Amino acid sequence: MKKTRKPIIGGILAIFSGALGLLGIINYAVGLSDISGLSKGDMPPFVPSIIFEMPVPSIIIAVLALVGGVFAITRKRWRWALTGAISATLSLILLGIPALIMIAISKDEFK
């Protein structure tokens, strides 16, 4: 079996998506007005999350994206990596869709 870089790239994209999702959730819930110039409750322009009005599920989705990205980079537990990529799509769609595609087509490379 030939190993490609698709799971690694997909994992990195999922991790970035989850991290940006967490930053957006923190800004939405707490407010980072000193850093970004946005007040509490303003949605940052770089994180258009689908479910921003519900912070707890958004945090769970972002953490799932981070965990799935780590599994994708290590090429272990394909189902968790795919779940993380789906969560990355919900967290930040521009990074999540390529992560989902790359992890889905590299199923044979996982243990």
N, C-alpha and C. Protein backbone atom coordinates (compact mmCIF):
# COMPACT_ATOMS: atom_id res chain seq x y z
N MET A 1 0.85 -1.18 0.00
CA MET A 1 0.00 0.00 0.00
C MET A 1 0.89 1.24 0.00
N LYS A 2 0.63 2.11 -0.93
CA LYS A 2 1.39 3.35 -1.04
C LYS A 2 0.80 4.40 -0.11
N LYS A 3 1.66 5.02 0.69
CA LYS A 3 1.20 6.06 1.60
C LYS A 3 1.36 7.43 0.94
N THR A 4 0.32 8.20 1.01
CA THR A 4 0.34 9.55 0.45
C THR A 4 0.28 10.56 1.59
N ARG A 5 0.25 11.81 1.23
CA ARG A 5 0.16 12.87 2.24
C ARG A 5 -1.27 13.35 2.45
N LYS A 6 -2.22 12.71 1.81
CA LYS A 6 -3.61 13.15 1.91
C LYS A 6 -4.13 13.13 3.35
N PRO A 7 -3.91 12.06 4.14
CA PRO A 7 -4.41 12.11 5.51
C PRO A 7 -3.74 13.19 6.35
N ILE A 8 -2.46 13.43 6.09
CA ILE A 8 -1.75 14.45 6.87
C ILE A 8 -2.29 15.84 6.54
N ILE A 9 -2.47 16.11 5.26
CA ILE A 9 -3.02 17.42 4.87
C ILE A 9 -4.44 17.58 5.38
N GLY A 10 -5.25 16.52 5.24
CA GLY A 10 -6.62 16.57 5.75
C GLY A 10 -6.65 16.77 7.26
N GLY A 11 -5.75 16.12 7.98
CA GLY A 11 -5.67 16.29 9.42
C GLY A 11 -5.27 17.69 9.83
N ILE A 12 -4.32 18.27 9.11
CA ILE A 12 -3.90 19.64 9.41
C ILE A 12 -5.05 20.61 9.15
N LEU A 13 -5.76 20.41 8.05
CA LEU A 13 -6.91 21.28 7.77
C LEU A 13 -7.99 21.13 8.83
N ALA A 14 -8.23 19.90 9.31
CA ALA A 14 -9.22 19.69 10.36
C ALA A 14 -8.79 20.36 11.67
N ILE A 15 -7.51 20.26 11.98
CA ILE A 15 -7.01 20.90 13.20
C ILE A 15 -7.14 22.42 13.12
N PHE A 16 -6.78 23.01 11.97
CA PHE A 16 -6.94 24.46 11.81
C PHE A 16 -8.40 24.86 11.91
N SER A 17 -9.27 24.07 11.30
CA SER A 17 -10.69 24.37 11.35
C SER A 17 -11.21 24.33 12.79
N GLY A 18 -10.81 23.31 13.54
CA GLY A 18 -11.23 23.21 14.93
C GLY A 18 -10.67 24.33 15.79
N ALA A 19 -9.40 24.69 15.55
CA ALA A 19 -8.78 25.77 16.33
C ALA A 19 -9.45 27.10 16.04
N LEU A 20 -9.70 27.38 14.77
CA LEU A 20 -10.38 28.63 14.43
C LEU A 20 -11.82 28.64 14.95
N GLY A 21 -12.45 27.48 14.93
CA GLY A 21 -13.80 27.38 15.50
C GLY A 21 -13.80 27.67 16.99
N LEU A 22 -12.80 27.13 17.71
CA LEU A 22 -12.70 27.42 19.14
C LEU A 22 -12.44 28.89 19.41
N LEU A 23 -11.57 29.50 18.61
CA LEU A 23 -11.31 30.94 18.77
C LEU A 23 -12.59 31.75 18.53
N GLY A 24 -13.35 31.38 17.53
CA GLY A 24 -14.60 32.07 17.25
C GLY A 24 -15.61 31.90 18.35
N ILE A 25 -15.69 30.70 18.91
CA ILE A 25 -16.63 30.43 20.01
C ILE A 25 -16.24 31.22 21.25
N ILE A 26 -14.94 31.25 21.53
CA ILE A 26 -14.46 32.01 22.69
C ILE A 26 -14.78 33.50 22.50
N ASN A 27 -14.55 34.01 21.31
CA ASN A 27 -14.86 35.41 21.03
C ASN A 27 -16.35 35.67 21.16
N TYR A 28 -17.15 34.76 20.68
CA TYR A 28 -18.60 34.94 20.74
C TYR A 28 -19.11 34.88 22.18
N ALA A 29 -18.58 33.93 22.96
CA ALA A 29 -19.07 33.75 24.33
C ALA A 29 -18.48 34.76 25.31
N VAL A 30 -17.20 35.03 25.20
CA VAL A 30 -16.52 35.87 26.18
C VAL A 30 -16.26 37.27 25.64
N GLY A 31 -15.84 37.32 24.41
CA GLY A 31 -15.50 38.61 23.80
C GLY A 31 -14.03 38.89 23.93
N LEU A 32 -13.41 39.20 22.82
CA LEU A 32 -11.99 39.53 22.80
C LEU A 32 -11.80 40.93 22.25
N SER A 33 -12.52 41.88 22.83
CA SER A 33 -12.53 43.22 22.26
C SER A 33 -11.16 43.89 22.33
N ASP A 34 -10.33 43.52 23.29
CA ASP A 34 -9.01 44.13 23.37
C ASP A 34 -8.10 43.66 22.24
N ILE A 35 -8.30 42.43 21.80
CA ILE A 35 -7.42 41.86 20.79
C ILE A 35 -7.90 42.16 19.38
N SER A 36 -9.17 41.90 19.13
CA SER A 36 -9.65 41.96 17.75
C SER A 36 -10.50 43.17 17.41
N GLY A 37 -10.87 43.94 18.39
CA GLY A 37 -11.71 45.10 18.12
C GLY A 37 -13.20 44.75 18.06
N LEU A 38 -13.54 43.49 18.26
CA LEU A 38 -14.93 43.06 18.27
C LEU A 38 -15.43 43.04 19.71
N SER A 39 -16.68 43.37 19.90
CA SER A 39 -17.23 43.32 21.24
C SER A 39 -17.84 41.94 21.48
N LYS A 40 -18.26 41.69 22.71
CA LYS A 40 -18.83 40.40 23.07
C LYS A 40 -20.04 40.10 22.20
N GLY A 41 -20.05 38.90 21.66
CA GLY A 41 -21.17 38.47 20.84
C GLY A 41 -21.03 38.74 19.37
N ASP A 42 -20.02 39.51 18.97
CA ASP A 42 -19.79 39.73 17.54
C ASP A 42 -19.17 38.49 16.92
N MET A 43 -19.65 38.13 15.75
CA MET A 43 -19.10 36.97 15.07
C MET A 43 -17.86 37.40 14.31
N PRO A 44 -16.72 36.72 14.55
CA PRO A 44 -15.52 37.09 13.81
C PRO A 44 -15.68 36.76 12.34
N PRO A 45 -15.07 37.53 11.48
CA PRO A 45 -15.27 37.31 10.04
C PRO A 45 -14.61 36.04 9.51
N PHE A 46 -13.63 35.47 10.24
CA PHE A 46 -12.92 34.31 9.73
C PHE A 46 -13.53 32.98 10.17
N VAL A 47 -14.56 32.99 11.00
CA VAL A 47 -15.15 31.75 11.48
C VAL A 47 -16.67 31.80 11.32
N PRO A 48 -17.18 31.49 10.15
CA PRO A 48 -18.63 31.49 9.97
C PRO A 48 -19.24 30.15 10.39
N SER A 49 -19.29 29.87 11.68
CA SER A 49 -19.82 28.61 12.16
C SER A 49 -21.34 28.55 11.96
N ILE A 50 -21.82 27.36 11.68
CA ILE A 50 -23.24 27.16 11.41
C ILE A 50 -24.06 27.28 12.69
N ILE A 51 -23.52 26.84 13.81
CA ILE A 51 -24.31 26.78 15.04
C ILE A 51 -23.73 27.67 16.14
N PHE A 52 -23.41 28.89 15.80
CA PHE A 52 -22.80 29.79 16.77
C PHE A 52 -23.71 30.16 17.93
N GLU A 53 -24.99 30.08 17.75
CA GLU A 53 -25.91 30.46 18.82
C GLU A 53 -25.91 29.47 19.97
N MET A 54 -25.33 28.29 19.77
CA MET A 54 -25.27 27.26 20.81
C MET A 54 -23.81 26.97 21.13
N PRO A 55 -23.22 27.62 22.12
CA PRO A 55 -21.79 27.49 22.35
C PRO A 55 -21.32 26.11 22.78
N VAL A 56 -22.11 25.38 23.58
CA VAL A 56 -21.65 24.07 24.05
C VAL A 56 -21.54 23.07 22.89
N PRO A 57 -22.56 22.92 22.04
CA PRO A 57 -22.37 22.02 20.89
C PRO A 57 -21.26 22.51 19.95
N SER A 58 -21.08 23.80 19.83
CA SER A 58 -20.01 24.33 18.98
C SER A 58 -18.64 23.95 19.53
N ILE A 59 -18.49 23.99 20.83
CA ILE A 59 -17.22 23.58 21.46
C ILE A 59 -16.98 22.10 21.24
N ILE A 60 -18.02 21.29 21.39
CA ILE A 60 -17.88 19.85 21.17
C ILE A 60 -17.48 19.57 19.72
N ILE A 61 -18.10 20.25 18.78
CA ILE A 61 -17.77 20.06 17.37
C ILE A 61 -16.33 20.48 17.09
N ALA A 62 -15.89 21.59 17.65
CA ALA A 62 -14.51 22.05 17.43
C ALA A 62 -13.50 21.08 18.03
N VAL A 63 -13.79 20.55 19.20
CA VAL A 63 -12.89 19.58 19.83
C VAL A 63 -12.86 18.28 19.03
N LEU A 64 -14.01 17.85 18.51
CA LEU A 64 -14.04 16.67 17.65
C LEU A 64 -13.19 16.88 16.40
N ALA A 65 -13.22 18.08 15.84
CA ALA A 65 -12.39 18.38 14.68
C ALA A 65 -10.91 18.29 15.03
N LEU A 66 -10.53 18.77 16.20
CA LEU A 66 -9.14 18.68 16.64
C LEU A 66 -8.71 17.23 16.84
N VAL A 67 -9.54 16.45 17.52
CA VAL A 67 -9.22 15.04 17.78
C VAL A 67 -9.15 14.25 16.47
N GLY A 68 -10.11 14.47 15.59
CA GLY A 68 -10.11 13.79 14.31
C GLY A 68 -8.90 14.15 13.47
N GLY A 69 -8.46 15.40 13.55
CA GLY A 69 -7.26 15.81 12.84
C GLY A 69 -6.02 15.10 13.35
N VAL A 70 -5.93 14.90 14.64
CA VAL A 70 -4.79 14.18 15.22
C VAL A 70 -4.82 12.72 14.76
N PHE A 71 -5.99 12.09 14.78
CA PHE A 71 -6.09 10.71 14.30
C PHE A 71 -5.75 10.60 12.82
N ALA A 72 -6.11 11.60 12.04
CA ALA A 72 -5.80 11.58 10.61
C ALA A 72 -4.29 11.71 10.38
N ILE A 73 -3.64 12.56 11.13
CA ILE A 73 -2.19 12.73 10.97
C ILE A 73 -1.45 11.45 11.34
N THR A 74 -1.91 10.76 12.38
CA THR A 74 -1.26 9.52 12.80
C THR A 74 -1.74 8.31 12.01
N ARG A 75 -2.73 8.50 11.13
CA ARG A 75 -3.30 7.43 10.30
C ARG A 75 -3.86 6.28 11.14
N LYS A 76 -4.52 6.62 12.22
CA LYS A 76 -5.17 5.64 13.07
C LYS A 76 -6.65 5.98 13.19
N ARG A 77 -7.47 4.97 13.34
CA ARG A 77 -8.91 5.11 13.57
C ARG A 77 -9.57 6.00 12.52
N TRP A 78 -9.77 5.43 11.35
CA TRP A 78 -10.34 6.16 10.23
C TRP A 78 -11.71 6.76 10.55
N ARG A 79 -12.53 6.02 11.28
CA ARG A 79 -13.88 6.54 11.59
C ARG A 79 -13.81 7.80 12.45
N TRP A 80 -12.89 7.82 13.41
CA TRP A 80 -12.74 9.03 14.22
C TRP A 80 -12.19 10.18 13.40
N ALA A 81 -11.27 9.86 12.50
CA ALA A 81 -10.71 10.90 11.62
C ALA A 81 -11.80 11.45 10.71
N LEU A 82 -12.66 10.57 10.18
CA LEU A 82 -13.75 11.03 9.33
C LEU A 82 -14.77 11.85 10.13
N THR A 83 -15.05 11.42 11.36
CA THR A 83 -15.94 12.20 12.23
C THR A 83 -15.35 13.58 12.49
N GLY A 84 -14.05 13.65 12.71
CA GLY A 84 -13.39 14.93 12.91
C GLY A 84 -13.45 15.80 11.67
N ALA A 85 -13.34 15.19 10.50
CA ALA A 85 -13.42 15.97 9.26
C ALA A 85 -14.84 16.50 9.04
N ILE A 86 -15.84 15.70 9.38
CA ILE A 86 -17.23 16.19 9.29
C ILE A 86 -17.44 17.33 10.27
N SER A 87 -16.89 17.20 11.47
CA SER A 87 -17.00 18.28 12.45
C SER A 87 -16.24 19.52 11.98
N ALA A 88 -15.12 19.32 11.31
CA ALA A 88 -14.37 20.46 10.77
C ALA A 88 -15.19 21.19 9.72
N THR A 89 -15.98 20.44 8.96
CA THR A 89 -16.85 21.06 7.96
C THR A 89 -17.91 21.91 8.65
N LEU A 90 -18.44 21.44 9.77
CA LEU A 90 -19.43 22.23 10.51
C LEU A 90 -18.79 23.43 11.20
N SER A 91 -17.53 23.31 11.58
CA SER A 91 -16.86 24.40 12.28
C SER A 91 -16.43 25.51 11.33
N LEU A 92 -15.75 25.16 10.26
CA LEU A 92 -15.30 26.14 9.27
C LEU A 92 -15.34 25.46 7.90
N ILE A 93 -16.33 25.80 7.14
CA ILE A 93 -16.64 25.05 5.92
C ILE A 93 -15.53 25.12 4.87
N LEU A 94 -14.80 26.22 4.78
CA LEU A 94 -13.77 26.36 3.76
C LEU A 94 -12.58 25.42 3.98
N LEU A 95 -12.28 25.09 5.21
CA LEU A 95 -11.22 24.14 5.51
C LEU A 95 -11.76 22.73 5.71
N GLY A 96 -12.99 22.62 6.10
CA GLY A 96 -13.57 21.33 6.42
C GLY A 96 -13.86 20.46 5.21
N ILE A 97 -14.32 21.06 4.13
CA ILE A 97 -14.65 20.27 2.94
C ILE A 97 -13.40 19.62 2.34
N PRO A 98 -12.30 20.35 2.14
CA PRO A 98 -11.10 19.66 1.64
C PRO A 98 -10.58 18.60 2.62
N ALA A 99 -10.68 18.86 3.92
CA ALA A 99 -10.25 17.87 4.91
C ALA A 99 -11.10 16.61 4.80
N LEU A 100 -12.40 16.79 4.65
CA LEU A 100 -13.31 15.65 4.53
C LEU A 100 -13.00 14.83 3.28
N ILE A 101 -12.77 15.49 2.17
CA ILE A 101 -12.48 14.79 0.92
C ILE A 101 -11.16 14.02 1.03
N MET A 102 -10.14 14.67 1.56
CA MET A 102 -8.82 14.02 1.63
C MET A 102 -8.82 12.82 2.59
N ILE A 103 -9.53 12.94 3.69
CA ILE A 103 -9.58 11.83 4.64
C ILE A 103 -10.46 10.70 4.11
N ALA A 104 -11.54 11.05 3.43
CA ALA A 104 -12.44 10.03 2.91
C ALA A 104 -11.79 9.20 1.81
N ILE A 105 -11.01 9.82 0.94
CA ILE A 105 -10.41 9.05 -0.16
C ILE A 105 -9.14 8.32 0.25
N SER A 106 -8.65 8.55 1.45
CA SER A 106 -7.44 7.86 1.91
C SER A 106 -7.75 6.81 2.97
N LYS A 107 -8.90 6.19 2.88
CA LYS A 107 -9.34 5.20 3.88
C LYS A 107 -8.37 4.03 3.97
N ASP A 108 -7.80 3.60 2.85
CA ASP A 108 -6.92 2.43 2.84
C ASP A 108 -5.60 2.66 3.56
N GLU A 109 -5.25 3.89 3.84
CA GLU A 109 -3.99 4.19 4.49
C GLU A 109 -4.05 4.13 6.01
N PHE A 110 -5.25 3.95 6.56
CA PHE A 110 -5.43 3.93 8.01
C PHE A 110 -5.31 2.51 8.54
N LYS A 111 -4.91 2.41 9.81
CA LYS A 111 -4.81 1.11 10.48
C LYS A 111 -6.14 0.71 11.07
